[in-house]
Protein backbone atom coordinates (compact mmCIF):
# COMPACT_ATOMS: atom_id res chain seq x y z
CA MET A 1 92.21 198.77 44.19
CA ALA A 2 92.35 200.92 47.33
CA SER A 3 93.96 199.80 50.57
CA SER A 4 90.52 199.62 52.16
CA ASP A 5 89.51 197.09 49.50
CA VAL A 6 92.61 195.05 50.29
CA LEU A 7 91.63 195.00 53.98
CA GLN A 8 88.15 193.82 53.04
CA VAL A 9 89.64 190.93 51.08
CA ILE A 10 91.89 190.02 54.03
CA THR A 11 88.82 190.02 56.31
CA LYS A 12 87.00 187.71 53.89
CA ILE A 13 89.99 185.35 53.92
CA TYR A 14 89.81 184.90 57.67
CA ASP A 15 86.02 184.68 57.66
CA GLY A 16 86.35 181.86 55.11
CA ILE A 17 88.21 179.68 57.64
CA LEU A 18 84.98 179.10 59.55
CA ASP A 19 82.45 179.66 56.78
CA ALA A 20 83.05 177.21 53.96
CA GLU A 21 80.19 178.67 51.92
CA SER A 22 81.99 182.02 51.66
CA GLN A 23 85.20 180.57 50.25
CA SER A 24 84.03 180.91 46.64
CA GLN A 25 83.55 184.66 47.30
CA VAL A 26 87.08 184.80 48.75
CA CYS A 27 88.48 183.23 45.60
CA GLU A 28 86.49 185.57 43.37
CA SER A 29 87.84 188.60 45.26
CA LEU A 30 91.41 187.37 44.90
CA VAL A 31 90.98 186.65 41.20
CA ARG A 32 89.50 190.09 40.53
CA MET A 33 92.26 191.77 42.55
CA ALA A 34 94.84 190.08 40.34
CA GLY A 35 93.01 191.08 37.14
CA GLY A 36 92.23 187.46 36.35
CA HIS A 37 89.19 185.71 34.93
CA THR A 38 89.59 182.31 36.61
CA GLY A 39 91.39 180.88 39.61
CA ILE A 40 91.65 177.85 41.81
CA LEU A 41 93.17 177.07 45.21
CA ALA A 42 94.27 173.47 45.23
CA THR A 43 96.59 170.90 46.74
CA HIS A 44 98.77 168.80 44.40
CA GLN A 45 100.05 165.43 45.50
CA HIS A 46 102.57 163.30 43.64
CA ARG A 47 101.50 159.67 43.61
CA PRO A 48 103.14 156.76 41.81
CA GLY A 49 102.88 157.52 38.13
CA ARG A 50 100.52 160.48 38.38
CA MET A 51 99.69 163.83 39.91
CA VAL A 52 96.47 164.16 41.96
CA MET A 53 94.85 167.53 42.60
CA PHE A 54 92.35 168.37 45.34
CA SER A 55 90.45 171.63 44.86
CA LYS A 56 89.83 173.73 47.97
CA MET A 57 88.01 176.63 46.31
CA GLY A 58 87.70 178.13 42.87
CA TYR A 59 86.15 180.90 40.78
CA ASN A 60 84.86 180.64 37.20
CA VAL A 61 86.46 177.21 36.81
CA ASP A 62 85.36 175.25 33.75
CA MET A 63 85.40 171.62 34.89
CA GLU A 64 85.78 170.26 31.35
CA SER A 65 88.82 172.49 30.85
CA GLN A 66 90.17 171.46 34.24
CA MET A 67 89.85 167.77 33.39
CA ALA A 68 91.62 168.31 30.09
CA TYR A 69 94.42 170.15 31.90
CA LEU A 70 94.92 167.33 34.41
CA ALA A 71 94.75 164.64 31.72
CA HIS A 72 97.04 166.17 29.07
CA PHE A 73 98.66 169.47 29.96
CA ASP A 74 99.60 169.38 33.64
CA LYS A 75 102.76 167.38 32.91
CA ILE A 76 104.03 169.94 30.38
CA SER A 77 102.96 173.11 32.19
CA PRO A 78 105.83 175.61 32.21
CA PHE A 79 104.28 177.21 35.29
CA HIS A 80 105.50 174.28 37.42
CA SER A 81 109.06 175.58 37.16
CA LEU A 82 107.90 178.81 38.81
CA GLU A 83 106.00 176.93 41.50
CA GLY A 84 108.96 174.68 42.15
CA LYS A 85 111.18 177.64 43.02
CA ALA A 86 108.57 179.48 45.10
CA LYS A 87 108.62 179.37 48.89
CA PRO A 88 105.45 179.23 51.03
CA GLY A 89 103.91 182.71 51.16
CA GLU A 90 105.70 183.86 47.97
CA VAL A 91 103.93 185.38 44.97
CA VAL A 92 105.10 184.43 41.48
CA THR A 93 104.14 185.60 37.97
CA ALA A 94 104.77 184.24 34.50
CA SER A 95 105.00 187.64 32.78
CA HIS A 96 108.57 187.06 31.65
CA LEU A 97 107.72 183.54 30.46
CA VAL A 98 104.50 184.10 28.47
CA THR A 99 106.13 186.80 26.35
CA SER A 100 108.92 184.52 25.13
CA ASP A 101 108.92 183.03 21.65
CA ASP A 102 109.47 179.52 23.05
CA TYR A 103 106.27 179.77 25.09
CA LYS A 104 104.25 181.09 22.15
CA ARG A 105 105.40 178.08 20.10
CA SER A 106 104.69 175.56 22.89
CA VAL A 107 101.97 172.91 22.77
CA PHE A 108 100.82 174.04 26.22
CA TYR A 109 100.09 177.55 24.97
CA ASN A 110 98.60 176.70 21.57
CA GLU A 111 96.55 173.65 22.58
CA TRP A 112 95.37 174.72 26.01
CA ALA A 113 96.07 178.28 27.24
CA ARG A 114 95.45 180.16 23.99
CA LYS A 115 92.16 178.37 23.27
CA ARG A 116 90.85 179.49 26.65
CA ASP A 117 92.29 183.00 26.50
CA HIS A 118 94.65 182.29 29.42
CA TRP A 119 97.52 184.73 29.05
CA ASP A 120 99.50 185.74 32.14
CA TYR A 121 99.67 183.63 35.30
CA LEU A 122 99.92 184.72 38.95
CA GLY A 123 100.35 182.24 41.81
CA ILE A 124 100.67 182.24 45.58
CA MET A 125 102.50 179.30 47.10
CA LEU A 126 100.82 178.32 50.37
CA THR A 127 102.48 175.13 51.63
CA LYS A 128 105.19 172.89 50.29
CA GLU A 129 106.28 169.49 51.58
CA PRO A 130 107.91 166.46 49.93
CA GLY A 131 105.44 165.17 47.37
CA THR A 132 102.78 167.76 48.22
CA MET A 133 102.22 171.44 47.58
CA ALA A 134 99.27 173.79 47.80
CA GLY A 135 98.74 177.14 46.13
CA LEU A 136 96.43 179.61 44.50
CA ALA A 137 96.69 179.84 40.71
CA ILE A 138 95.11 182.78 38.85
CA LEU A 139 94.98 183.15 35.05
CA ARG A 140 94.52 186.50 33.31
CA PRO A 141 92.90 187.03 29.89
CA SER A 142 94.86 188.65 27.06
CA GLY A 143 92.72 191.78 27.38
CA ALA A 144 94.06 192.37 30.93
CA GLY A 145 97.63 192.26 29.73
CA LEU A 146 100.53 191.37 32.01
CA VAL A 147 100.41 191.62 35.81
CA THR A 148 101.06 195.22 36.82
CA PRO A 149 103.46 196.21 39.64
CA ASN A 150 100.51 197.55 41.66
CA GLU A 151 98.60 194.25 41.36
CA LEU A 152 101.70 192.33 42.31
CA ALA A 153 102.23 194.51 45.39
CA GLN A 154 98.61 194.03 46.48
CA MET A 155 98.85 190.26 46.16
CA ARG A 156 102.12 190.24 48.13
CA SER A 157 100.41 192.11 50.95
CA ILE A 158 97.65 189.50 51.02
CA ALA A 159 99.80 186.38 50.56
CA PRO A 160 100.86 185.95 54.24
CA HIS A 161 97.22 186.14 55.36
CA LEU A 162 96.07 183.62 52.77
CA LYS A 163 98.91 181.26 53.73
CA ARG A 164 98.08 181.55 57.42
CA ALA A 165 94.36 181.04 56.85
CA PHE A 166 95.02 178.02 54.64
CA VAL A 167 97.19 176.32 57.29
CA VAL A 168 94.68 177.10 60.07
CA GLY A 169 91.83 175.86 57.92
CA ASP A 170 93.66 172.60 57.22
CA LEU A 171 94.31 172.08 60.93
CA LEU A 172 90.65 172.72 61.73
CA ASP A 173 89.55 170.28 59.02
CA GLU A 174 91.90 167.67 60.45
CA TYR A 175 90.61 168.28 63.98
CA ARG A 176 86.99 168.05 62.84
CA SER A 177 87.75 164.81 61.00
CA GLN A 178 89.47 163.28 64.04
CA ALA A 179 86.71 164.43 66.39
CA HIS A 180 84.06 162.98 64.10
CA LEU A 181 85.95 159.68 63.83
CA LEU A 182 86.46 159.51 67.62
CA GLY A 183 82.77 160.20 68.15
CA ARG A 184 81.83 157.34 65.81
CA VAL A 185 84.31 154.98 67.43
CA VAL A 186 83.15 155.76 70.96
CA ALA A 187 79.51 155.42 69.90
CA LYS A 188 80.27 152.07 68.34
CA ALA A 189 81.83 150.99 71.59
CA GLY A 190 78.34 151.28 73.07
CA PHE A 191 78.80 153.77 75.87
CA GLY A 192 77.95 157.42 76.32
CA VAL A 193 80.59 160.06 76.97
CA LEU A 194 80.05 163.46 78.59
CA LEU A 195 82.61 166.13 79.39
CA THR A 196 81.44 168.54 82.05
CA THR A 197 82.67 171.37 84.21
CA ALA A 198 82.82 171.06 87.99
CA SER A 199 79.28 172.46 88.16
CA GLY A 200 77.99 169.83 85.76
CA HIS A 201 77.70 172.11 82.74
CA ILE A 202 77.87 169.89 79.64
CA VAL A 203 80.73 170.85 77.32
CA TYR A 204 80.56 167.77 75.08
CA ALA A 205 78.19 164.85 74.69
CA ASN A 206 78.45 162.07 72.11
CA ASP A 207 75.37 160.75 70.31
CA THR A 208 74.92 157.83 72.71
CA ALA A 209 74.90 160.15 75.71
CA GLU A 210 72.33 162.38 73.98
CA VAL A 211 70.10 159.35 73.49
CA PHE A 212 70.42 158.40 77.15
CA MET A 213 69.44 161.91 78.26
CA ARG A 214 66.38 162.00 75.99
CA SER A 215 65.07 158.46 76.38
CA GLY A 216 63.79 158.55 79.97
CA SER A 217 66.48 156.08 81.05
CA GLY A 218 67.25 158.13 84.16
CA LEU A 219 69.54 160.90 82.94
CA LYS A 220 68.52 164.29 81.59
CA SER A 221 69.95 167.62 80.50
CA GLU A 222 68.50 170.55 82.39
CA HIS A 223 69.42 174.01 81.06
CA GLY A 224 72.67 172.56 79.70
CA TYR A 225 73.60 170.77 82.94
CA ILE A 226 73.74 167.01 83.52
CA SER A 227 71.13 165.78 85.99
CA ALA A 228 68.98 162.77 86.83
CA ILE A 229 65.23 162.29 86.78
CA ASP A 230 65.23 161.10 90.39
CA PHE A 231 65.86 164.01 92.79
CA LYS A 232 68.09 162.13 95.26
CA THR A 233 70.07 160.60 92.42
CA ALA A 234 70.49 164.06 90.88
CA GLN A 235 72.01 165.29 94.16
CA LYS A 236 74.37 162.32 94.34
CA LEU A 237 75.39 162.81 90.70
CA GLN A 238 76.11 166.50 91.33
CA ALA A 239 78.26 165.62 94.35
CA LEU A 240 80.10 162.95 92.35
CA VAL A 241 80.95 165.36 89.54
CA LEU A 242 82.10 168.02 91.99
CA ALA A 243 84.33 165.52 93.83
CA ALA A 244 85.92 164.32 90.57
CA ALA A 245 86.60 167.92 89.56
CA ARG A 246 88.62 168.49 92.72
CA ALA A 247 91.28 165.97 91.72
CA THR A 248 94.89 166.67 92.61
CA ASP A 249 98.11 164.82 91.93
CA ASP A 250 97.94 163.25 95.37
CA PHE A 251 94.24 162.60 95.46
CA THR A 252 92.11 161.41 92.55
CA PRO A 253 88.47 161.22 93.57
CA GLY A 254 86.03 159.57 91.27
CA GLY A 255 83.33 157.02 91.52
CA SER A 256 80.23 155.49 90.06
CA ILE A 257 76.51 155.76 90.49
CA LEU A 258 73.53 153.70 89.41
CA ILE A 259 70.82 155.70 87.66
CA PRO A 260 67.19 154.62 88.11
CA SER A 261 64.94 155.15 85.12
CA SER A 262 61.45 156.63 85.25
CA GLU A 263 60.18 153.06 85.84
CA GLY A 264 62.62 152.58 88.73
CA GLU A 265 64.90 150.19 86.85
CA GLU A 266 68.61 150.81 87.41
CA SER A 267 69.70 150.24 83.81
CA LEU A 268 72.47 152.86 83.60
CA VAL A 269 75.71 153.23 85.52
CA VAL A 270 77.70 156.47 85.34
CA HIS A 271 81.43 156.48 86.04
CA ALA A 272 82.94 159.87 86.86
CA VAL A 273 86.68 160.33 86.28
CA PRO A 274 88.74 163.51 86.52
CA LEU A 275 90.35 164.78 83.33
CA SER A 276 94.04 165.54 83.32
CA GLY A 277 95.09 169.16 83.17
CA ARG A 278 96.34 168.66 79.63
CA ALA A 279 93.07 167.12 78.45
CA ALA A 280 91.02 169.79 80.19
CA SER A 281 92.94 172.56 78.48
CA VAL A 282 91.73 171.46 75.04
CA LEU A 283 88.74 173.77 75.57
CA LEU A 284 89.47 177.15 77.11
CA ASP A 285 87.78 179.75 79.35
CA ARG A 286 85.08 179.12 81.94
CA ASP A 287 83.65 176.17 79.99
CA ARG A 288 86.82 174.15 80.42
CA PRO A 289 85.83 170.53 81.13
CA SER A 290 87.28 168.90 84.19
CA VAL A 291 85.25 165.69 84.51
CA GLY A 292 84.61 162.82 82.12
CA LEU A 293 81.42 160.83 82.57
CA PHE A 294 81.22 157.36 81.00
CA ILE A 295 77.67 156.00 80.80
CA VAL A 296 77.12 152.25 80.43
CA ASP A 297 73.81 150.60 79.64
CA ARG A 298 73.87 147.51 81.83
CA ARG A 299 71.42 145.79 79.53
CA ARG A 300 74.04 145.69 76.76
CA GLY A 301 76.61 142.93 76.95
CA MET A 302 80.06 143.90 78.18
CA THR A 303 81.57 140.47 77.68
CA ASP A 304 83.69 141.32 74.62
CA ARG A 305 85.28 144.40 76.14
CA THR A 306 85.97 142.82 79.51
CA ASN A 307 87.50 139.80 77.78
CA VAL A 308 89.79 142.08 75.77
CA PHE A 309 90.83 143.92 78.92
CA ALA A 310 91.34 140.69 80.85
CA ASP A 311 93.55 139.23 78.13
CA LEU A 312 95.54 142.46 77.90
CA PHE A 313 96.37 142.53 81.61
CA HIS A 314 96.38 138.76 82.24
CA LEU A 315 93.39 138.76 84.60
CA THR A 316 92.05 135.47 85.90
CA PRO A 317 88.44 134.49 85.06
CA ALA A 318 87.39 135.44 88.61
CA GLU A 319 89.11 138.83 88.32
CA GLY A 320 87.41 139.36 84.95
CA ARG A 321 84.00 138.75 86.53
CA VAL A 322 84.79 141.25 89.29
CA LEU A 323 85.89 143.80 86.69
CA SER A 324 82.68 143.26 84.70
CA ALA A 325 80.60 143.75 87.83
CA LEU A 326 82.49 146.94 88.64
CA ILE A 327 81.96 148.42 85.15
CA CYS A 328 78.31 147.37 84.84
CA ASN A 329 77.22 148.11 88.41
CA GLY A 330 79.72 150.59 89.83
CA GLY A 331 79.81 150.95 93.59
CA HIS A 332 82.22 149.34 96.01
CA SER A 333 83.43 145.84 96.83
CA GLN A 334 80.31 145.04 98.88
CA SER A 335 77.96 145.69 95.95
CA ILE A 336 80.25 143.64 93.70
CA ALA A 337 80.22 140.83 96.25
CA THR A 338 76.43 140.89 96.37
CA LYS A 339 76.16 140.82 92.58
CA LEU A 340 78.59 137.88 92.22
CA LYS A 341 77.46 136.12 95.43
CA ILE A 342 80.95 136.10 96.91
CA THR A 343 82.29 137.49 100.20
CA ASP A 344 83.28 141.09 100.55
CA MET A 345 86.82 140.00 101.42
CA THR A 346 87.06 137.96 98.19
CA ALA A 347 85.83 140.93 96.16
CA ARG A 348 88.40 143.19 97.84
CA THR A 349 91.19 140.71 97.13
CA HIS A 350 90.29 140.44 93.47
CA LEU A 351 90.13 144.24 93.14
CA LYS A 352 93.54 144.53 94.78
CA HIS A 353 95.00 142.05 92.32
CA ILE A 354 93.41 143.85 89.36
CA LEU A 355 94.85 147.19 90.47
CA ALA A 356 98.30 145.62 90.81
CA LYS A 357 98.19 143.99 87.38
CA THR A 358 96.99 147.19 85.67
CA ASN A 359 99.50 149.33 87.58
CA VAL A 360 96.87 151.80 88.82
CA HIS A 361 96.18 152.73 92.42
CA ARG A 362 92.57 153.86 92.45
CA GLN A 363 89.28 152.44 91.29
CA ALA A 364 88.54 155.59 89.30
CA ASP A 365 91.83 155.17 87.44
CA LEU A 366 90.95 151.55 86.71
CA VAL A 367 87.61 152.58 85.21
CA LYS A 368 89.32 155.25 83.09
CA LEU A 369 91.94 152.75 81.90
CA PHE A 370 89.20 150.30 80.94
CA PHE A 371 87.41 152.74 78.69
CA GLU A 372 90.67 153.98 77.18
CA THR A 373 91.86 150.51 76.21
CA THR A 374 88.71 148.71 75.07
CA ILE A 375 87.39 150.92 72.28
CA PRO A 376 87.02 148.66 69.22
CA TRP A 377 89.11 150.58 66.67
CA LYS A 378 88.58 148.03 63.92
CA GLU A 379 85.22 147.41 62.26
CA ARG A 380 83.70 144.08 63.12
């Protein structure tokens, strides 16, 4: 195989990180490069009393043969001794082993490998941790003979790329899994979440937020930017997002706004909070988010979450009612006072006590803390 062919295989390996459907082609290319007729990239985990294998990709794998291997022959495979000595990124062969008389007399060879015309073995160790290892295993037919020095050199040139791609792919899979779980948890909590730039460009929206923007409840997405159906509200929302994006260590602007629906009913409240520099740097370039928008449907009960928050920070019943009014209605102490039919001074006093008990100094920080600490992580 020419060096240009090796480069093509390396390109396929990196393409396979983002395109799961092409991974079978990657495995086929690697198997053919090694002169094999079957191969599998898998993770092995030692669990009490047994070995569990998770296949990542494979080529020309007979599932019945694979099940038989796992059930009867994995425990006596002589290839494990080679894998046990290999370091991540290292290529190993069994050429010296399969030609020995002991191997030719073994149950492993006569009852499994020989019946399937598996002769030489070539493997690439990818990762190795206590109780877990991952690698690519390729088996060659007897007609291909033993692994040649040229084939071994080609696989060694590819091994670092395959190792790197495998690790990156695992990290991406973990990130996708966590992001999916977080999205489900936040949606279950009953509020919408948007991450936007200072200009209001939407970088992320969970399913609940998407529903709010499509349902005529007052919010909308216009050319990828968050907006409101009502023109004056749209202007206020834009100003609120811009102010939150200009947060500094000394000044943390943020606020809330009621969103009237197409029928004029103010059913949604949007809380704008600035994202920390660390959180904002999760996504790069000009689309870096700097503002988090939490959208609450006031028609849905907030009692459970406010009760959890109140218990956590030892709020009095009156303080809990003020907190609930703040989350469900936004605004300032006067609007809270009107909602609860108390004086503005009383509302201010309760807010002051809540801030002291939660150890935050700004209303925007209080709102952010509320949403961070009242997501129901356990199924109910």
